[in-house]
């Protein structure tokens, strides 16, 4: 199983970005998918999670600004990030779980003030 994240970049505060994560394999619908981020010099933290049935949960710092979604038909998970703040600057990782954890490579998001 491979996870390929994309969509990061440089954006001004208040702007938006959409991250995408493509997942190989034929049982994507069974995966609990999530996005994590690691700000410079800090621990990796959970940003958002979407369950098999589509239920979602978010870290407190992103509630109301970020939306996680999934498309089981094309094995993709997305993170729509609105009203970005400089403190959202981090490397963002997608993570999948089905019997074990799978990580994608990170994608850099930089928010300038």
C-alpha atoms as a PDB file:
ATOM      1  CA  UNK A   1       0.000   0.000   0.000  1.00  0.00           C
ATOM      2  CA  UNK A   2       1.314   3.428  -0.939  1.00  0.00           C
ATOM      3  CA  UNK A   3       0.014   6.849   0.006  1.00  0.00           C
ATOM      4  CA  UNK A   4       0.929   9.841  -2.160  1.00  0.00           C
ATOM      5  CA  UNK A   5       0.176  13.292  -0.789  1.00  0.00           C
ATOM      6  CA  UNK A   6       0.106  16.432  -2.891  1.00  0.00           C
ATOM      7  CA  UNK A   7      -1.231  19.967  -2.950  1.00  0.00           C
ATOM      8  CA  UNK A   8       1.021  21.787  -0.528  1.00  0.00           C
ATOM      9  CA  UNK A   9       2.524  25.151  -1.258  1.00  0.00           C
ATOM     10  CA  UNK A  10       2.979  28.735  -0.174  1.00  0.00           C
ATOM     11  CA  UNK A  11      -0.112  30.787   0.579  1.00  0.00           C
ATOM     12  CA  UNK A  12      -0.861  34.056   2.328  1.00  0.00           C
ATOM     13  CA  UNK A  13      -2.730  34.149   5.601  1.00  0.00           C
ATOM     14  CA  UNK A  14      -6.453  33.919   4.980  1.00  0.00           C
ATOM     15  CA  UNK A  15      -5.968  31.869   1.857  1.00  0.00           C
ATOM     16  CA  UNK A  16      -6.932  28.300   1.041  1.00  0.00           C
ATOM     17  CA  UNK A  17      -5.276  25.098  -0.073  1.00  0.00           C
ATOM     18  CA  UNK A  18      -6.571  21.639  -0.852  1.00  0.00           C
ATOM     19  CA  UNK A  19      -4.398  18.655  -0.047  1.00  0.00           C
ATOM     20  CA  UNK A  20      -4.948  15.336  -1.768  1.00  0.00           C
ATOM     21  CA  UNK A  21      -3.782  11.841  -0.884  1.00  0.00           C
ATOM     22  CA  UNK A  22      -3.938   8.993  -3.365  1.00  0.00           C
ATOM     23  CA  UNK A  23      -3.965   5.491  -1.894  1.00  0.00           C
ATOM     24  CA  UNK A  24      -3.026   2.368  -3.811  1.00  0.00           C
ATOM     25  CA  UNK A  25      -4.800  -0.931  -3.243  1.00  0.00           C
ATOM     26  CA  UNK A  26      -8.310  -2.242  -3.615  1.00  0.00           C
ATOM     27  CA  UNK A  27      -9.693  -2.029  -0.078  1.00  0.00           C
ATOM     28  CA  UNK A  28      -9.413   1.718   0.434  1.00  0.00           C
ATOM     29  CA  UNK A  29     -12.981   1.869   1.710  1.00  0.00           C
ATOM     30  CA  UNK A  30     -11.889  -0.156   4.743  1.00  0.00           C
ATOM     31  CA  UNK A  31      -9.212   2.353   5.750  1.00  0.00           C
ATOM     32  CA  UNK A  32      -9.555   4.938   8.464  1.00  0.00           C
ATOM     33  CA  UNK A  33      -7.832   7.946   6.921  1.00  0.00           C
ATOM     34  CA  UNK A  34      -6.341  10.941   8.607  1.00  0.00           C
ATOM     35  CA  UNK A  35      -4.120  13.948   8.111  1.00  0.00           C
ATOM     36  CA  UNK A  36      -1.336  14.812  10.503  1.00  0.00           C
ATOM     37  CA  UNK A  37       1.059  17.733  10.500  1.00  0.00           C
ATOM     38  CA  UNK A  38       4.442  18.483  11.965  1.00  0.00           C
ATOM     39  CA  UNK A  39       5.314  22.139  12.468  1.00  0.00           C
ATOM     40  CA  UNK A  40       9.002  23.074  12.533  1.00  0.00           C
ATOM     41  CA  UNK A  41      10.601  21.891  15.771  1.00  0.00           C
ATOM     42  CA  UNK A  42       7.391  20.365  17.091  1.00  0.00           C
ATOM     43  CA  UNK A  43       5.759  16.972  17.444  1.00  0.00           C
ATOM     44  CA  UNK A  44       3.527  15.494  14.776  1.00  0.00           C
ATOM     45  CA  UNK A  45      -0.135  16.137  15.569  1.00  0.00           C
ATOM     46  CA  UNK A  46      -3.498  14.934  14.352  1.00  0.00           C
ATOM     47  CA  UNK A  47      -5.306  17.418  12.135  1.00  0.00           C
ATOM     48  CA  UNK A  48      -8.373  15.514  10.939  1.00  0.00           C
ATOM     49  CA  UNK A  49      -9.705  11.988  10.675  1.00  0.00           C
ATOM     50  CA  UNK A  50     -12.399  10.347   8.589  1.00  0.00           C
ATOM     51  CA  UNK A  51     -13.764   6.939   9.393  1.00  0.00           C
ATOM     52  CA  UNK A  52     -14.936   4.116   7.178  1.00  0.00           C
ATOM     53  CA  UNK A  53     -18.506   5.376   7.373  1.00  0.00           C
ATOM     54  CA  UNK A  54     -17.560   8.989   6.767  1.00  0.00           C
ATOM     55  CA  UNK A  55     -17.618  10.255  10.326  1.00  0.00           C
ATOM     56  CA  UNK A  56     -15.083  13.008  10.929  1.00  0.00           C
ATOM     57  CA  UNK A  57     -13.167  14.556  13.774  1.00  0.00           C
ATOM     58  CA  UNK A  58     -10.782  17.507  13.920  1.00  0.00           C
ATOM     59  CA  UNK A  59      -8.065  18.968  16.042  1.00  0.00           C
ATOM     60  CA  UNK A  60      -9.249  21.944  18.058  1.00  0.00           C
ATOM     61  CA  UNK A  61      -7.000  24.381  16.220  1.00  0.00           C
ATOM     62  CA  UNK A  62      -8.532  23.624  12.813  1.00  0.00           C
ATOM     63  CA  UNK A  63     -12.206  23.122  13.635  1.00  0.00           C
ATOM     64  CA  UNK A  64     -14.399  25.263  11.423  1.00  0.00           C
ATOM     65  CA  UNK A  65     -11.571  25.954   8.968  1.00  0.00           C
ATOM     66  CA  UNK A  66     -10.507  22.544   7.647  1.00  0.00           C
ATOM     67  CA  UNK A  67     -12.647  19.819   6.098  1.00  0.00           C
ATOM     68  CA  UNK A  68     -11.587  16.229   5.490  1.00  0.00           C
ATOM     69  CA  UNK A  69     -13.364  14.143   2.874  1.00  0.00           C
ATOM     70  CA  UNK A  70     -12.869  10.924   0.982  1.00  0.00           C
ATOM     71  CA  UNK A  71     -13.840   9.486  -2.378  1.00  0.00           C
ATOM     72  CA  UNK A  72     -13.832   5.708  -2.193  1.00  0.00           C
ATOM     73  CA  UNK A  73     -14.446   5.453  -5.914  1.00  0.00           C
ATOM     74  CA  UNK A  74     -11.018   6.841  -6.729  1.00  0.00           C
ATOM     75  CA  UNK A  75      -9.108   5.958  -3.530  1.00  0.00           C
ATOM     76  CA  UNK A  76      -8.578   9.579  -2.520  1.00  0.00           C
ATOM     77  CA  UNK A  77      -8.735  11.551   0.690  1.00  0.00           C
ATOM     78  CA  UNK A  78      -8.729  15.341   0.760  1.00  0.00           C
ATOM     79  CA  UNK A  79      -8.100  18.118   3.217  1.00  0.00           C
ATOM     80  CA  UNK A  80      -9.684  21.444   2.340  1.00  0.00           C
ATOM     81  CA  UNK A  81      -7.952  24.151   4.342  1.00  0.00           C
ATOM     82  CA  UNK A  82      -9.568  27.584   4.519  1.00  0.00           C
ATOM     83  CA  UNK A  83      -8.671  30.753   6.378  1.00  0.00           C
ATOM     84  CA  UNK A  84      -5.107  29.559   6.758  1.00  0.00           C
ATOM     85  CA  UNK A  85      -2.965  31.042   9.499  1.00  0.00           C
ATOM     86  CA  UNK A  86       0.836  31.255   9.845  1.00  0.00           C
ATOM     87  CA  UNK A  87       0.621  28.688  12.648  1.00  0.00           C
ATOM     88  CA  UNK A  88      -0.729  26.170  10.125  1.00  0.00           C
ATOM     89  CA  UNK A  89       2.729  26.083   8.560  1.00  0.00           C
ATOM     90  CA  UNK A  90       3.913  22.481   8.720  1.00  0.00           C
ATOM     91  CA  UNK A  91       4.656  19.363   6.774  1.00  0.00           C
ATOM     92  CA  UNK A  92       1.337  17.582   6.286  1.00  0.00           C
ATOM     93  CA  UNK A  93       1.129  13.790   6.138  1.00  0.00           C
ATOM     94  CA  UNK A  94      -1.699  11.486   5.197  1.00  0.00           C
ATOM     95  CA  UNK A  95      -2.110   8.329   7.211  1.00  0.00           C
ATOM     96  CA  UNK A  96      -4.131   5.221   6.611  1.00  0.00           C
ATOM     97  CA  UNK A  97      -5.045   2.484   9.017  1.00  0.00           C
ATOM     98  CA  UNK A  98      -6.306  -0.999   8.208  1.00  0.00           C
ATOM     99  CA  UNK A  99      -4.776  -3.711  10.390  1.00  0.00           C
ATOM    100  CA  UNK A 100      -1.644  -1.552  10.425  1.00  0.00           C
ATOM    101  CA  UNK A 101      -0.593   2.039   9.902  1.00  0.00           C
ATOM    102  CA  UNK A 102       0.547   3.400   6.566  1.00  0.00           C
ATOM    103  CA  UNK A 103       2.115   6.835   6.083  1.00  0.00           C
ATOM    104  CA  UNK A 104       2.504   8.897   2.986  1.00  0.00           C
ATOM    105  CA  UNK A 105       5.356  11.251   2.327  1.00  0.00           C
ATOM    106  CA  UNK A 106       4.815  14.765   3.580  1.00  0.00           C
ATOM    107  CA  UNK A 107       3.767  17.833   1.668  1.00  0.00           C
ATOM    108  CA  UNK A 108       4.918  21.256   2.835  1.00  0.00           C
ATOM    109  CA  UNK A 109       2.375  23.939   3.614  1.00  0.00           C
ATOM    110  CA  UNK A 110       3.742  27.404   4.306  1.00  0.00           C
ATOM    111  CA  UNK A 111       1.449  30.252   5.318  1.00  0.00           C
ATOM    112  CA  UNK A 112       2.921  33.738   5.207  1.00  0.00           C
ATOM    113  CA  UNK A 113       1.636  36.569   7.364  1.00  0.00           C
END
